[in-house]
Amino acid sequence: MPPRALAQEDKAARRADILNAARELFLADSHQLPSVARIAAAAGLAKGTVYLYFTTKEDIFLALLGSEFDAAFDQLDALLAIDQPLEALLAAFLDAYAAYLDANPEFLRLASMSAPVLEQNVAEEQGYAFKYGIALRLIRSGRLLEVRLPTLAPGQGAALLLRTYAVTLGLWQTVDYPQPVKSRLTDPMFAVLRPDFRTELAATLTQLWRGALLPN
């Protein structure tokens, strides 16, 4: 096993190793959380070492989800730094958002588990820190969005981003059928229940963003 990390950069690297191992295991079977023991083995660490960084397996995955929210917000902020009209911004956002979801297939499944599973099995302070971090990023990115789209009043940028996330998660959960069910929905009458997620998401978000920017 690797020696105990002492320097801050070593600790950050060790923490990243744990999160990466957890992500790979979850991608292999995203319908259940792997145990701390499995995560430790995949990271090449002793189980006790993992507990120096995280208290439960849910704590690990809540931290992973938090880091993925940060990555999504970083990508959005970089996009908002480019001065462009609404239609160009919306097209660029939809492309970048779809690419992010494709590159991080675990994101929405973890997000769907956040409130009912992950946040129920961490210390109150950890759950609070997770929510605090997301709120800060929503406010920051929301303000950047308001600069790019001046028709948005203060606070409406963050609200639009929250609604964007809620619509994304809700639509994904609506069409995320278990494989045995999905295999039986082949009759044309079920087409309404199995739309293409990416197509529906783009259409829904286009309507949402344009509607939010129409004059009252």
N, C-alpha and C. Protein backbone atom coordinates (compact mmCIF):
# COMPACT_ATOMS: atom_id res chain seq x y z
N MET A 1 0.83 -1.19 0.00
CA MET A 1 0.00 0.00 0.00
C MET A 1 0.88 1.26 0.00
N PRO A 2 0.44 2.35 -0.63
CA PRO A 2 1.22 3.59 -0.64
C PRO A 2 1.37 4.14 0.77
N PRO A 3 2.46 4.88 1.05
CA PRO A 3 2.63 5.49 2.36
C PRO A 3 1.58 6.56 2.59
N ARG A 4 1.33 6.89 3.85
CA ARG A 4 0.34 7.91 4.20
C ARG A 4 0.75 9.26 3.65
N ALA A 5 -0.20 9.96 2.98
CA ALA A 5 0.10 11.26 2.39
C ALA A 5 0.21 12.32 3.48
N LEU A 6 1.25 13.14 3.39
CA LEU A 6 1.46 14.19 4.39
C LEU A 6 1.29 15.58 3.80
N ALA A 7 1.91 15.86 2.66
CA ALA A 7 1.81 17.18 2.05
C ALA A 7 0.40 17.39 1.51
N GLN A 8 -0.02 18.67 1.45
CA GLN A 8 -1.36 18.99 0.99
C GLN A 8 -1.60 18.50 -0.43
N GLU A 9 -0.58 18.66 -1.31
CA GLU A 9 -0.77 18.21 -2.68
C GLU A 9 -0.88 16.69 -2.76
N ASP A 10 -0.16 16.01 -1.86
CA ASP A 10 -0.27 14.55 -1.82
C ASP A 10 -1.65 14.12 -1.34
N LYS A 11 -2.17 14.85 -0.36
CA LYS A 11 -3.51 14.53 0.15
C LYS A 11 -4.56 14.77 -0.93
N ALA A 12 -4.41 15.85 -1.67
CA ALA A 12 -5.35 16.15 -2.75
C ALA A 12 -5.30 15.06 -3.83
N ALA A 13 -4.09 14.60 -4.13
CA ALA A 13 -3.93 13.54 -5.13
C ALA A 13 -4.54 12.23 -4.63
N ARG A 14 -4.33 11.93 -3.36
CA ARG A 14 -4.90 10.70 -2.78
C ARG A 14 -6.43 10.77 -2.80
N ARG A 15 -6.97 11.91 -2.47
CA ARG A 15 -8.43 12.09 -2.49
C ARG A 15 -8.96 11.92 -3.91
N ALA A 16 -8.25 12.49 -4.88
CA ALA A 16 -8.66 12.34 -6.28
C ALA A 16 -8.61 10.88 -6.71
N ASP A 17 -7.61 10.14 -6.25
CA ASP A 17 -7.51 8.71 -6.58
C ASP A 17 -8.75 7.96 -6.07
N ILE A 18 -9.18 8.30 -4.87
CA ILE A 18 -10.35 7.65 -4.29
C ILE A 18 -11.60 7.96 -5.11
N LEU A 19 -11.77 9.23 -5.46
CA LEU A 19 -12.94 9.63 -6.25
C LEU A 19 -12.93 8.98 -7.64
N ASN A 20 -11.76 8.91 -8.24
CA ASN A 20 -11.65 8.28 -9.56
C ASN A 20 -11.98 6.80 -9.50
N ALA A 21 -11.50 6.13 -8.46
CA ALA A 21 -11.79 4.70 -8.30
C ALA A 21 -13.29 4.49 -8.08
N ALA A 22 -13.90 5.35 -7.26
CA ALA A 22 -15.34 5.25 -7.01
C ALA A 22 -16.12 5.46 -8.30
N ARG A 23 -15.70 6.41 -9.10
CA ARG A 23 -16.38 6.69 -10.36
C ARG A 23 -16.31 5.49 -11.29
N GLU A 24 -15.15 4.89 -11.43
CA GLU A 24 -15.00 3.75 -12.34
C GLU A 24 -15.86 2.57 -11.89
N LEU A 25 -15.91 2.33 -10.60
CA LEU A 25 -16.74 1.23 -10.10
C LEU A 25 -18.22 1.51 -10.33
N PHE A 26 -18.61 2.76 -10.13
CA PHE A 26 -20.02 3.13 -10.32
C PHE A 26 -20.41 3.03 -11.79
N LEU A 27 -19.51 3.40 -12.67
CA LEU A 27 -19.80 3.28 -14.10
C LEU A 27 -20.00 1.83 -14.51
N ALA A 28 -19.31 0.92 -13.83
CA ALA A 28 -19.45 -0.51 -14.14
C ALA A 28 -20.79 -1.06 -13.68
N ASP A 29 -21.36 -0.47 -12.63
CA ASP A 29 -22.67 -0.88 -12.12
C ASP A 29 -23.28 0.32 -11.41
N SER A 30 -24.04 1.11 -12.16
CA SER A 30 -24.55 2.37 -11.62
C SER A 30 -25.87 2.24 -10.87
N HIS A 31 -26.30 1.02 -10.60
CA HIS A 31 -27.54 0.85 -9.86
C HIS A 31 -27.30 0.57 -8.38
N GLN A 32 -26.04 0.56 -7.97
CA GLN A 32 -25.74 0.42 -6.55
C GLN A 32 -24.37 1.04 -6.28
N LEU A 33 -24.20 1.50 -5.04
CA LEU A 33 -22.93 2.10 -4.67
C LEU A 33 -21.96 1.01 -4.21
N PRO A 34 -20.75 1.01 -4.72
CA PRO A 34 -19.76 0.04 -4.26
C PRO A 34 -19.36 0.33 -2.82
N SER A 35 -18.90 -0.68 -2.12
CA SER A 35 -18.50 -0.52 -0.73
C SER A 35 -17.19 0.25 -0.63
N VAL A 36 -16.92 0.76 0.56
CA VAL A 36 -15.66 1.44 0.81
C VAL A 36 -14.50 0.49 0.57
N ALA A 37 -14.67 -0.78 0.95
CA ALA A 37 -13.61 -1.76 0.76
C ALA A 37 -13.26 -1.94 -0.72
N ARG A 38 -14.28 -1.99 -1.57
CA ARG A 38 -14.05 -2.13 -3.01
C ARG A 38 -13.38 -0.89 -3.58
N ILE A 39 -13.82 0.26 -3.13
CA ILE A 39 -13.23 1.51 -3.61
C ILE A 39 -11.77 1.58 -3.20
N ALA A 40 -11.47 1.20 -1.95
CA ALA A 40 -10.10 1.22 -1.47
C ALA A 40 -9.22 0.29 -2.30
N ALA A 41 -9.72 -0.91 -2.57
CA ALA A 41 -8.94 -1.87 -3.36
C ALA A 41 -8.70 -1.33 -4.77
N ALA A 42 -9.72 -0.72 -5.37
CA ALA A 42 -9.58 -0.19 -6.73
C ALA A 42 -8.59 0.96 -6.78
N ALA A 43 -8.49 1.70 -5.67
CA ALA A 43 -7.56 2.83 -5.60
C ALA A 43 -6.17 2.40 -5.15
N GLY A 44 -6.02 1.12 -4.78
CA GLY A 44 -4.73 0.63 -4.30
C GLY A 44 -4.40 1.12 -2.91
N LEU A 45 -5.44 1.30 -2.08
CA LEU A 45 -5.26 1.84 -0.73
C LEU A 45 -5.85 0.88 0.30
N ALA A 46 -5.41 1.04 1.52
CA ALA A 46 -6.03 0.31 2.63
C ALA A 46 -7.38 0.94 2.93
N LYS A 47 -8.32 0.13 3.39
CA LYS A 47 -9.65 0.64 3.71
C LYS A 47 -9.57 1.76 4.74
N GLY A 48 -8.69 1.60 5.72
CA GLY A 48 -8.53 2.62 6.75
C GLY A 48 -8.06 3.95 6.19
N THR A 49 -7.27 3.90 5.12
CA THR A 49 -6.78 5.14 4.50
C THR A 49 -7.94 5.93 3.91
N VAL A 50 -8.87 5.22 3.29
CA VAL A 50 -10.04 5.90 2.71
C VAL A 50 -10.82 6.63 3.80
N TYR A 51 -10.90 6.00 4.98
CA TYR A 51 -11.66 6.62 6.07
C TYR A 51 -10.95 7.85 6.65
N LEU A 52 -9.72 8.08 6.27
CA LEU A 52 -9.06 9.33 6.66
C LEU A 52 -9.60 10.51 5.86
N TYR A 53 -10.21 10.21 4.72
CA TYR A 53 -10.71 11.25 3.82
C TYR A 53 -12.23 11.32 3.79
N PHE A 54 -12.89 10.19 3.97
CA PHE A 54 -14.35 10.12 3.87
C PHE A 54 -14.90 9.24 4.99
N THR A 55 -16.12 9.54 5.41
CA THR A 55 -16.70 8.79 6.53
C THR A 55 -17.58 7.62 6.09
N THR A 56 -18.20 7.74 4.91
CA THR A 56 -19.07 6.68 4.40
C THR A 56 -18.91 6.61 2.88
N LYS A 57 -19.45 5.56 2.29
CA LYS A 57 -19.42 5.47 0.82
C LYS A 57 -20.28 6.58 0.21
N GLU A 58 -21.37 6.95 0.91
CA GLU A 58 -22.21 8.04 0.42
C GLU A 58 -21.46 9.37 0.45
N ASP A 59 -20.61 9.54 1.43
CA ASP A 59 -19.77 10.74 1.51
C ASP A 59 -18.84 10.82 0.30
N ILE A 60 -18.31 9.68 -0.11
CA ILE A 60 -17.43 9.64 -1.29
C ILE A 60 -18.19 10.08 -2.52
N PHE A 61 -19.38 9.54 -2.71
CA PHE A 61 -20.12 9.84 -3.93
C PHE A 61 -20.75 11.22 -3.91
N LEU A 62 -21.04 11.75 -2.74
CA LEU A 62 -21.51 13.13 -2.67
C LEU A 62 -20.38 14.08 -3.04
N ALA A 63 -19.17 13.75 -2.61
CA ALA A 63 -18.00 14.55 -2.99
C ALA A 63 -17.74 14.45 -4.49
N LEU A 64 -17.91 13.25 -5.05
CA LEU A 64 -17.75 13.08 -6.49
C LEU A 64 -18.78 13.91 -7.24
N LEU A 65 -20.02 13.87 -6.79
CA LEU A 65 -21.07 14.66 -7.43
C LEU A 65 -20.75 16.15 -7.32
N GLY A 66 -20.26 16.59 -6.17
CA GLY A 66 -19.90 17.99 -6.00
C GLY A 66 -18.81 18.41 -6.96
N SER A 67 -17.83 17.55 -7.16
CA SER A 67 -16.74 17.88 -8.09
C SER A 67 -17.25 17.94 -9.52
N GLU A 68 -18.25 17.13 -9.85
CA GLU A 68 -18.79 17.14 -11.19
C GLU A 68 -19.68 18.37 -11.42
N PHE A 69 -20.37 18.81 -10.39
CA PHE A 69 -21.08 20.09 -10.49
C PHE A 69 -20.08 21.22 -10.75
N ASP A 70 -18.97 21.21 -10.02
CA ASP A 70 -17.96 22.25 -10.22
C ASP A 70 -17.44 22.25 -11.66
N ALA A 71 -17.20 21.07 -12.19
CA ALA A 71 -16.71 20.98 -13.57
C ALA A 71 -17.73 21.52 -14.56
N ALA A 72 -19.01 21.21 -14.31
CA ALA A 72 -20.06 21.71 -15.20
C ALA A 72 -20.15 23.23 -15.12
N PHE A 73 -20.07 23.78 -13.91
CA PHE A 73 -20.12 25.23 -13.75
C PHE A 73 -18.90 25.90 -14.37
N ASP A 74 -17.73 25.27 -14.22
CA ASP A 74 -16.51 25.83 -14.84
C ASP A 74 -16.68 25.94 -16.35
N GLN A 75 -17.25 24.91 -16.93
CA GLN A 75 -17.47 24.89 -18.38
C GLN A 75 -18.46 25.99 -18.77
N LEU A 76 -19.52 26.14 -17.98
CA LEU A 76 -20.51 27.17 -18.26
C LEU A 76 -19.90 28.56 -18.13
N ASP A 77 -19.13 28.80 -17.08
CA ASP A 77 -18.52 30.11 -16.88
C ASP A 77 -17.60 30.49 -18.03
N ALA A 78 -16.85 29.51 -18.54
CA ALA A 78 -15.97 29.78 -19.68
C ALA A 78 -16.79 30.17 -20.91
N LEU A 79 -17.93 29.52 -21.08
CA LEU A 79 -18.81 29.83 -22.20
C LEU A 79 -19.40 31.23 -22.06
N LEU A 80 -19.77 31.59 -20.83
CA LEU A 80 -20.38 32.90 -20.60
C LEU A 80 -19.37 34.04 -20.71
N ALA A 81 -18.09 33.72 -20.69
CA ALA A 81 -17.06 34.74 -20.85
C ALA A 81 -16.96 35.22 -22.29
N ILE A 82 -17.61 34.51 -23.21
CA ILE A 82 -17.60 34.88 -24.63
C ILE A 82 -18.81 35.75 -24.92
N ASP A 83 -18.59 36.92 -25.45
CA ASP A 83 -19.68 37.85 -25.76
C ASP A 83 -20.35 37.40 -27.06
N GLN A 84 -21.61 36.96 -26.95
CA GLN A 84 -22.33 36.50 -28.13
C GLN A 84 -23.83 36.67 -27.90
N PRO A 85 -24.61 36.81 -28.96
CA PRO A 85 -26.05 36.99 -28.82
C PRO A 85 -26.73 35.73 -28.30
N LEU A 86 -28.00 35.88 -27.94
CA LEU A 86 -28.75 34.80 -27.32
C LEU A 86 -28.71 33.51 -28.13
N GLU A 87 -29.04 33.57 -29.41
CA GLU A 87 -29.14 32.36 -30.21
C GLU A 87 -27.80 31.62 -30.27
N ALA A 88 -26.72 32.38 -30.43
CA ALA A 88 -25.39 31.76 -30.47
C ALA A 88 -25.03 31.17 -29.11
N LEU A 89 -25.35 31.91 -28.04
CA LEU A 89 -25.07 31.42 -26.69
C LEU A 89 -25.87 30.15 -26.40
N LEU A 90 -27.14 30.16 -26.78
CA LEU A 90 -27.99 29.00 -26.51
C LEU A 90 -27.48 27.78 -27.27
N ALA A 91 -27.11 27.95 -28.53
CA ALA A 91 -26.60 26.83 -29.33
C ALA A 91 -25.30 26.30 -28.74
N ALA A 92 -24.41 27.21 -28.35
CA ALA A 92 -23.13 26.79 -27.76
C ALA A 92 -23.35 26.08 -26.43
N PHE A 93 -24.28 26.59 -25.63
CA PHE A 93 -24.58 25.97 -24.34
C PHE A 93 -25.13 24.56 -24.53
N LEU A 94 -26.10 24.41 -25.43
CA LEU A 94 -26.69 23.09 -25.64
C LEU A 94 -25.66 22.08 -26.12
N ASP A 95 -24.77 22.50 -27.00
CA ASP A 95 -23.72 21.60 -27.48
C ASP A 95 -22.77 21.21 -26.35
N ALA A 96 -22.35 22.21 -25.56
CA ALA A 96 -21.42 21.94 -24.47
C ALA A 96 -22.07 21.09 -23.38
N TYR A 97 -23.33 21.35 -23.11
CA TYR A 97 -24.06 20.61 -22.07
C TYR A 97 -24.22 19.15 -22.48
N ALA A 98 -24.60 18.92 -23.73
CA ALA A 98 -24.74 17.54 -24.21
C ALA A 98 -23.41 16.82 -24.17
N ALA A 99 -22.33 17.51 -24.54
CA ALA A 99 -21.00 16.90 -24.51
C ALA A 99 -20.60 16.56 -23.09
N TYR A 100 -20.95 17.43 -22.13
CA TYR A 100 -20.63 17.16 -20.73
C TYR A 100 -21.38 15.93 -20.23
N LEU A 101 -22.66 15.84 -20.54
CA LEU A 101 -23.45 14.69 -20.09
C LEU A 101 -22.95 13.40 -20.72
N ASP A 102 -22.50 13.46 -21.99
CA ASP A 102 -21.95 12.28 -22.65
C ASP A 102 -20.64 11.84 -21.99
N ALA A 103 -19.83 12.83 -21.61
CA ALA A 103 -18.52 12.52 -21.01
C ALA A 103 -18.64 12.10 -19.55
N ASN A 104 -19.77 12.38 -18.94
CA ASN A 104 -19.97 12.06 -17.52
C ASN A 104 -21.31 11.34 -17.33
N PRO A 105 -21.42 10.12 -17.84
CA PRO A 105 -22.71 9.41 -17.80
C PRO A 105 -23.19 9.11 -16.39
N GLU A 106 -22.30 9.18 -15.42
CA GLU A 106 -22.70 8.92 -14.04
C GLU A 106 -23.36 10.13 -13.38
N PHE A 107 -23.23 11.31 -13.98
CA PHE A 107 -23.66 12.54 -13.33
C PHE A 107 -25.15 12.53 -12.97
N LEU A 108 -26.00 12.25 -13.94
CA LEU A 108 -27.44 12.32 -13.68
C LEU A 108 -27.90 11.21 -12.74
N ARG A 109 -27.30 10.03 -12.85
CA ARG A 109 -27.70 8.96 -11.93
C ARG A 109 -27.30 9.30 -10.50
N LEU A 110 -26.12 9.85 -10.32
CA LEU A 110 -25.72 10.28 -8.98
C LEU A 110 -26.60 11.43 -8.50
N ALA A 111 -26.92 12.35 -9.40
CA ALA A 111 -27.79 13.47 -9.03
C ALA A 111 -29.15 12.97 -8.57
N SER A 112 -29.66 11.94 -9.23
CA SER A 112 -30.97 11.39 -8.85
C SER A 112 -30.92 10.72 -7.48
N MET A 113 -29.72 10.33 -7.05
CA MET A 113 -29.56 9.67 -5.75
C MET A 113 -29.19 10.66 -4.64
N SER A 114 -28.95 11.90 -5.00
CA SER A 114 -28.40 12.85 -4.04
C SER A 114 -29.28 13.03 -2.80
N ALA A 115 -30.50 13.53 -2.97
CA ALA A 115 -31.36 13.80 -1.82
C ALA A 115 -31.84 12.54 -1.12
N PRO A 116 -32.33 11.50 -1.86
CA PRO A 116 -32.88 10.34 -1.16
C PRO A 116 -31.85 9.37 -0.60
N VAL A 117 -30.61 9.39 -1.10
CA VAL A 117 -29.62 8.39 -0.66
C VAL A 117 -28.36 9.04 -0.10
N LEU A 118 -27.67 9.80 -0.92
CA LEU A 118 -26.36 10.31 -0.53
C LEU A 118 -26.44 11.25 0.67
N GLU A 119 -27.32 12.24 0.57
CA GLU A 119 -27.41 13.24 1.63
C GLU A 119 -28.03 12.69 2.90
N GLN A 120 -28.69 11.55 2.80
CA GLN A 120 -29.29 10.92 3.99
C GLN A 120 -28.27 10.15 4.81
N ASN A 121 -27.08 9.93 4.23
CA ASN A 121 -26.10 9.07 4.89
C ASN A 121 -24.74 9.75 5.05
N VAL A 122 -24.78 11.07 5.22
CA VAL A 122 -23.58 11.82 5.55
C VAL A 122 -23.89 12.71 6.75
N ALA A 123 -22.84 13.20 7.38
CA ALA A 123 -23.04 14.10 8.52
C ALA A 123 -23.72 15.38 8.05
N GLU A 124 -24.46 16.00 8.96
CA GLU A 124 -25.19 17.22 8.62
C GLU A 124 -24.27 18.28 8.03
N GLU A 125 -23.08 18.41 8.59
CA GLU A 125 -22.15 19.43 8.11
C GLU A 125 -21.70 19.16 6.68
N GLN A 126 -21.55 17.90 6.34
CA GLN A 126 -21.15 17.54 4.98
C GLN A 126 -22.27 17.83 3.98
N GLY A 127 -23.49 17.51 4.37
CA GLY A 127 -24.63 17.81 3.52
C GLY A 127 -24.79 19.31 3.31
N TYR A 128 -24.58 20.07 4.38
CA TYR A 128 -24.67 21.53 4.29
C TYR A 128 -23.59 22.07 3.37
N ALA A 129 -22.37 21.58 3.49
CA ALA A 129 -21.26 22.05 2.66
C ALA A 129 -21.54 21.78 1.19
N PHE A 130 -22.14 20.64 0.89
CA PHE A 130 -22.48 20.29 -0.49
C PHE A 130 -23.48 21.31 -1.05
N LYS A 131 -24.55 21.59 -0.30
CA LYS A 131 -25.55 22.54 -0.75
C LYS A 131 -24.97 23.95 -0.85
N TYR A 132 -24.13 24.30 0.10
CA TYR A 132 -23.51 25.63 0.10
C TYR A 132 -22.67 25.83 -1.16
N GLY A 133 -21.90 24.81 -1.51
CA GLY A 133 -21.06 24.91 -2.70
C GLY A 133 -21.87 25.09 -3.97
N ILE A 134 -22.98 24.36 -4.08
CA ILE A 134 -23.81 24.48 -5.27
C ILE A 134 -24.47 25.86 -5.31
N ALA A 135 -24.94 26.34 -4.16
CA ALA A 135 -25.57 27.66 -4.12
C ALA A 135 -24.59 28.75 -4.57
N LEU A 136 -23.35 28.67 -4.09
CA LEU A 136 -22.35 29.66 -4.49
C LEU A 136 -22.13 29.66 -6.00
N ARG A 137 -22.03 28.46 -6.56
CA ARG A 137 -21.79 28.38 -8.00
C ARG A 137 -23.00 28.85 -8.80
N LEU A 138 -24.21 28.54 -8.33
CA LEU A 138 -25.40 29.02 -9.01
C LEU A 138 -25.45 30.54 -9.04
N ILE A 139 -25.15 31.14 -7.90
CA ILE A 139 -25.18 32.61 -7.80
C ILE A 139 -24.13 33.22 -8.72
N ARG A 140 -22.92 32.66 -8.68
CA ARG A 140 -21.84 33.21 -9.50
C ARG A 140 -22.14 33.07 -10.98
N SER A 141 -22.51 31.88 -11.41
CA SER A 141 -22.79 31.67 -12.84
C SER A 141 -24.06 32.41 -13.25
N GLY A 142 -25.02 32.49 -12.33
CA GLY A 142 -26.23 33.24 -12.63
C GLY A 142 -25.96 34.70 -12.90
N ARG A 143 -25.05 35.29 -12.14
CA ARG A 143 -24.67 36.69 -12.37
C ARG A 143 -23.97 36.87 -13.70
N LEU A 144 -23.11 35.92 -14.06
CA LEU A 144 -22.46 35.98 -15.36
C LEU A 144 -23.48 35.89 -16.49
N LEU A 145 -24.49 35.05 -16.30
CA LEU A 145 -25.54 34.91 -17.30
C LEU A 145 -26.33 36.21 -17.43
N GLU A 146 -26.57 36.88 -16.32
CA GLU A 146 -27.30 38.15 -16.35
C GLU A 146 -26.51 39.24 -17.07
N VAL A 147 -25.19 39.18 -16.98
CA VAL A 147 -24.36 40.14 -17.71
C VAL A 147 -24.49 39.91 -19.21
N ARG A 148 -24.49 38.64 -19.62
CA ARG A 148 -24.59 38.32 -21.04
C ARG A 148 -26.00 38.56 -21.57
N LEU A 149 -27.00 38.38 -20.72
CA LEU A 149 -28.40 38.53 -21.14
C LEU A 149 -29.07 39.55 -20.22
N PRO A 150 -28.93 40.84 -20.53
CA PRO A 150 -29.39 41.90 -19.63
C PRO A 150 -30.89 41.94 -19.40
N THR A 151 -31.67 41.20 -20.20
CA THR A 151 -33.10 41.16 -19.96
C THR A 151 -33.43 40.40 -18.68
N LEU A 152 -32.47 39.66 -18.16
CA LEU A 152 -32.67 38.94 -16.90
C LEU A 152 -32.48 39.90 -15.73
N ALA A 153 -33.43 39.90 -14.81
CA ALA A 153 -33.32 40.71 -13.61
C ALA A 153 -32.38 40.02 -12.62
N PRO A 154 -31.86 40.76 -11.64
CA PRO A 154 -30.99 40.14 -10.64
C PRO A 154 -31.66 38.93 -9.98
N GLY A 155 -30.93 37.84 -9.95
CA GLY A 155 -31.45 36.60 -9.37
C GLY A 155 -32.09 35.67 -10.38
N GLN A 156 -32.49 36.20 -11.53
CA GLN A 156 -33.15 35.35 -12.53
C GLN A 156 -32.16 34.43 -13.24
N GLY A 157 -30.89 34.84 -13.29
CA GLY A 157 -29.89 33.97 -13.92
C GLY A 157 -29.74 32.67 -13.15
N ALA A 158 -29.59 32.78 -11.84
CA ALA A 158 -29.46 31.58 -11.00
C ALA A 158 -30.73 30.74 -11.08
N ALA A 159 -31.88 31.40 -11.10
CA ALA A 159 -33.15 30.67 -11.18
C ALA A 159 -33.26 29.91 -12.49
N LEU A 160 -32.82 30.53 -13.59
CA LEU A 160 -32.87 29.86 -14.88
C LEU A 160 -31.94 28.64 -14.90
N LEU A 161 -30.78 28.77 -14.30
CA LEU A 161 -29.85 27.63 -14.25
C LEU A 161 -30.39 26.50 -13.39
N LEU A 162 -31.03 26.84 -12.28
CA LEU A 162 -31.62 25.81 -11.42
C LEU A 162 -32.74 25.09 -12.16
N ARG A 163 -33.56 25.84 -12.87
CA ARG A 163 -34.64 25.22 -13.64
C ARG A 163 -34.08 24.34 -14.76
N THR A 164 -32.99 24.78 -15.36
CA THR A 164 -32.33 23.98 -16.40
C THR A 164 -31.92 22.62 -15.84
N TYR A 165 -31.31 22.64 -14.67
CA TYR A 165 -30.89 21.39 -14.03
C TYR A 165 -32.10 20.52 -13.67
N ALA A 166 -33.14 21.15 -13.10
CA ALA A 166 -34.32 20.40 -12.68
C ALA A 166 -35.00 19.74 -13.87
N VAL A 167 -35.12 20.47 -14.97
CA VAL A 167 -35.72 19.92 -16.18
C VAL A 167 -34.88 18.76 -16.72
N THR A 168 -33.57 18.94 -16.71
CA THR A 168 -32.68 17.88 -17.21
C THR A 168 -32.85 16.61 -16.40
N LEU A 169 -32.79 16.74 -15.09
CA LEU A 169 -32.90 15.57 -14.22
C LEU A 169 -34.28 14.92 -14.33
N GLY A 170 -35.32 15.75 -14.34
CA GLY A 170 -36.68 15.21 -14.42
C GLY A 170 -36.92 14.48 -15.74
N LEU A 171 -36.47 15.05 -16.84
CA LEU A 171 -36.66 14.41 -18.14
C LEU A 171 -35.88 13.11 -18.20
N TRP A 172 -34.64 13.12 -17.70
CA TRP A 172 -33.83 11.91 -17.71
C TRP A 172 -34.49 10.80 -16.89
N GLN A 173 -35.00 11.13 -15.71
CA GLN A 173 -35.65 10.13 -14.87
C GLN A 173 -36.92 9.58 -15.54
N THR A 174 -37.60 10.43 -16.30
CA THR A 174 -38.83 10.02 -16.97
C THR A 174 -38.58 8.94 -18.01
N VAL A 175 -37.43 9.01 -18.69
CA VAL A 175 -37.17 8.05 -19.78
C VAL A 175 -36.13 6.99 -19.40
N ASP A 176 -35.69 6.99 -18.15
CA ASP A 176 -34.68 6.02 -17.71
C ASP A 176 -35.36 4.75 -17.20
N TYR A 177 -35.81 3.92 -18.12
CA TYR A 177 -36.51 2.70 -17.75
C TYR A 177 -35.53 1.57 -17.45
N PRO A 178 -35.89 0.67 -16.55
CA PRO A 178 -35.09 -0.55 -16.38
C PRO A 178 -35.05 -1.32 -17.71
N GLN A 179 -33.96 -1.98 -17.97
CA GLN A 179 -33.79 -2.67 -19.24
C GLN A 179 -34.92 -3.65 -19.55
N PRO A 180 -35.41 -4.47 -18.58
CA PRO A 180 -36.51 -5.39 -18.89
C PRO A 180 -37.77 -4.66 -19.36
N VAL A 181 -38.02 -3.48 -18.79
CA VAL A 181 -39.18 -2.70 -19.22
C VAL A 181 -38.93 -2.10 -20.61
N LYS A 182 -37.74 -1.53 -20.79
CA LYS A 182 -37.40 -0.90 -22.06
C LYS A 182 -37.51 -1.89 -23.22
N SER A 183 -37.11 -3.13 -22.98
CA SER A 183 -37.13 -4.13 -24.06
C SER A 183 -38.54 -4.49 -24.49
N ARG A 184 -39.53 -4.17 -23.67
CA ARG A 184 -40.91 -4.50 -24.02
C ARG A 184 -41.66 -3.32 -24.62
N LEU A 185 -41.02 -2.16 -24.67
CA LEU A 185 -41.69 -0.97 -25.20
C LEU A 185 -41.35 -0.74 -26.67
N THR A 186 -41.41 -1.79 -27.44
CA THR A 186 -41.03 -1.70 -28.86
C THR A 186 -42.21 -1.40 -29.77
N ASP A 187 -43.42 -1.62 -29.31
CA ASP A 187 -44.59 -1.33 -30.12
C ASP A 187 -44.67 0.17 -30.40
N PRO A 188 -45.08 0.58 -31.61
CA PRO A 188 -45.16 2.01 -31.95
C PRO A 188 -46.01 2.82 -30.98
N MET A 189 -46.99 2.20 -30.33
CA MET A 189 -47.83 2.95 -29.40
C MET A 189 -47.02 3.50 -28.21
N PHE A 190 -45.84 2.90 -27.94
CA PHE A 190 -45.03 3.35 -26.81
C PHE A 190 -44.02 4.43 -27.19
N ALA A 191 -44.05 4.86 -28.45
CA ALA A 191 -43.08 5.86 -28.90
C ALA A 191 -43.15 7.12 -28.04
N VAL A 192 -44.35 7.48 -27.62
CA VAL A 192 -44.52 8.68 -26.79
C VAL A 192 -43.82 8.55 -25.45
N LEU A 193 -43.60 7.31 -25.00
CA LEU A 193 -42.97 7.07 -23.71
C LEU A 193 -41.46 6.88 -23.80
N ARG A 194 -40.95 6.80 -25.00
CA ARG A 194 -39.51 6.59 -25.15
C ARG A 194 -38.90 7.56 -26.18
N PRO A 195 -39.06 8.86 -25.94
CA PRO A 195 -38.44 9.83 -26.85
C PRO A 195 -36.93 9.82 -26.68
N ASP A 196 -36.22 10.33 -27.67
CA ASP A 196 -34.78 10.45 -27.56
C ASP A 196 -34.45 11.54 -26.54
N PHE A 197 -33.70 11.17 -25.52
CA PHE A 197 -33.42 12.10 -24.42
C PHE A 197 -32.72 13.36 -24.91
N ARG A 198 -31.69 13.22 -25.74
CA ARG A 198 -30.94 14.39 -26.19
C ARG A 198 -31.82 15.34 -27.01
N THR A 199 -32.64 14.77 -27.88
CA THR A 199 -33.52 15.61 -28.71
C THR A 199 -34.53 16.35 -27.86
N GLU A 200 -35.16 15.63 -26.93
CA GLU A 200 -36.15 16.24 -26.06
C GLU A 200 -35.53 17.29 -25.14
N LEU A 201 -34.32 17.00 -24.65
CA LEU A 201 -33.66 17.95 -23.76
C LEU A 201 -33.36 19.25 -24.50
N ALA A 202 -32.84 19.16 -25.72
CA ALA A 202 -32.52 20.36 -26.49
C ALA A 202 -33.78 21.17 -26.76
N ALA A 203 -34.88 20.51 -27.14
CA ALA A 203 -36.12 21.22 -27.43
C ALA A 203 -36.68 21.88 -26.16
N THR A 204 -36.65 21.15 -25.06
CA THR A 204 -37.20 21.67 -23.80
C THR A 204 -36.39 22.85 -23.28
N LEU A 205 -35.07 22.74 -23.32
CA LEU A 205 -34.23 23.83 -22.81
C LEU A 205 -34.29 25.05 -23.72
N THR A 206 -34.43 24.83 -25.02
CA THR A 206 -34.59 25.96 -25.94
C THR A 206 -35.86 26.74 -25.59
N GLN A 207 -36.96 26.02 -25.36
CA GLN A 207 -38.20 26.67 -24.98
C GLN A 207 -38.07 27.37 -23.62
N LEU A 208 -37.40 26.71 -22.69
CA LEU A 208 -37.25 27.28 -21.35
C LEU A 208 -36.45 28.58 -21.40
N TRP A 209 -35.31 28.56 -22.08
CA TRP A 209 -34.45 29.74 -22.12
C TRP A 209 -35.11 30.88 -22.90
N ARG A 210 -35.71 30.57 -24.04
CA ARG A 210 -36.36 31.63 -24.81
C ARG A 210 -37.53 32.22 -24.04
N GLY A 211 -38.28 31.34 -23.38
CA GLY A 211 -39.41 31.84 -22.59
C GLY A 211 -38.98 32.73 -21.45
N ALA A 212 -37.85 32.40 -20.82
CA ALA A 212 -37.35 33.20 -19.70
C ALA A 212 -36.89 34.56 -20.15
N LEU A 213 -36.54 34.68 -21.42
CA LEU A 213 -35.97 35.94 -21.92
C LEU A 213 -36.98 36.80 -22.66
N LEU A 214 -38.22 36.30 -22.80
CA LEU A 214 -39.26 37.11 -23.43
C LEU A 214 -39.68 38.23 -22.49
N PRO A 215 -39.98 39.40 -23.02
CA PRO A 215 -40.44 40.50 -22.14
C PRO A 215 -41.73 40.12 -21.45
N ASN A 216 -41.86 40.50 -20.18
CA ASN A 216 -43.09 40.20 -19.43
C ASN A 216 -44.25 41.08 -19.91
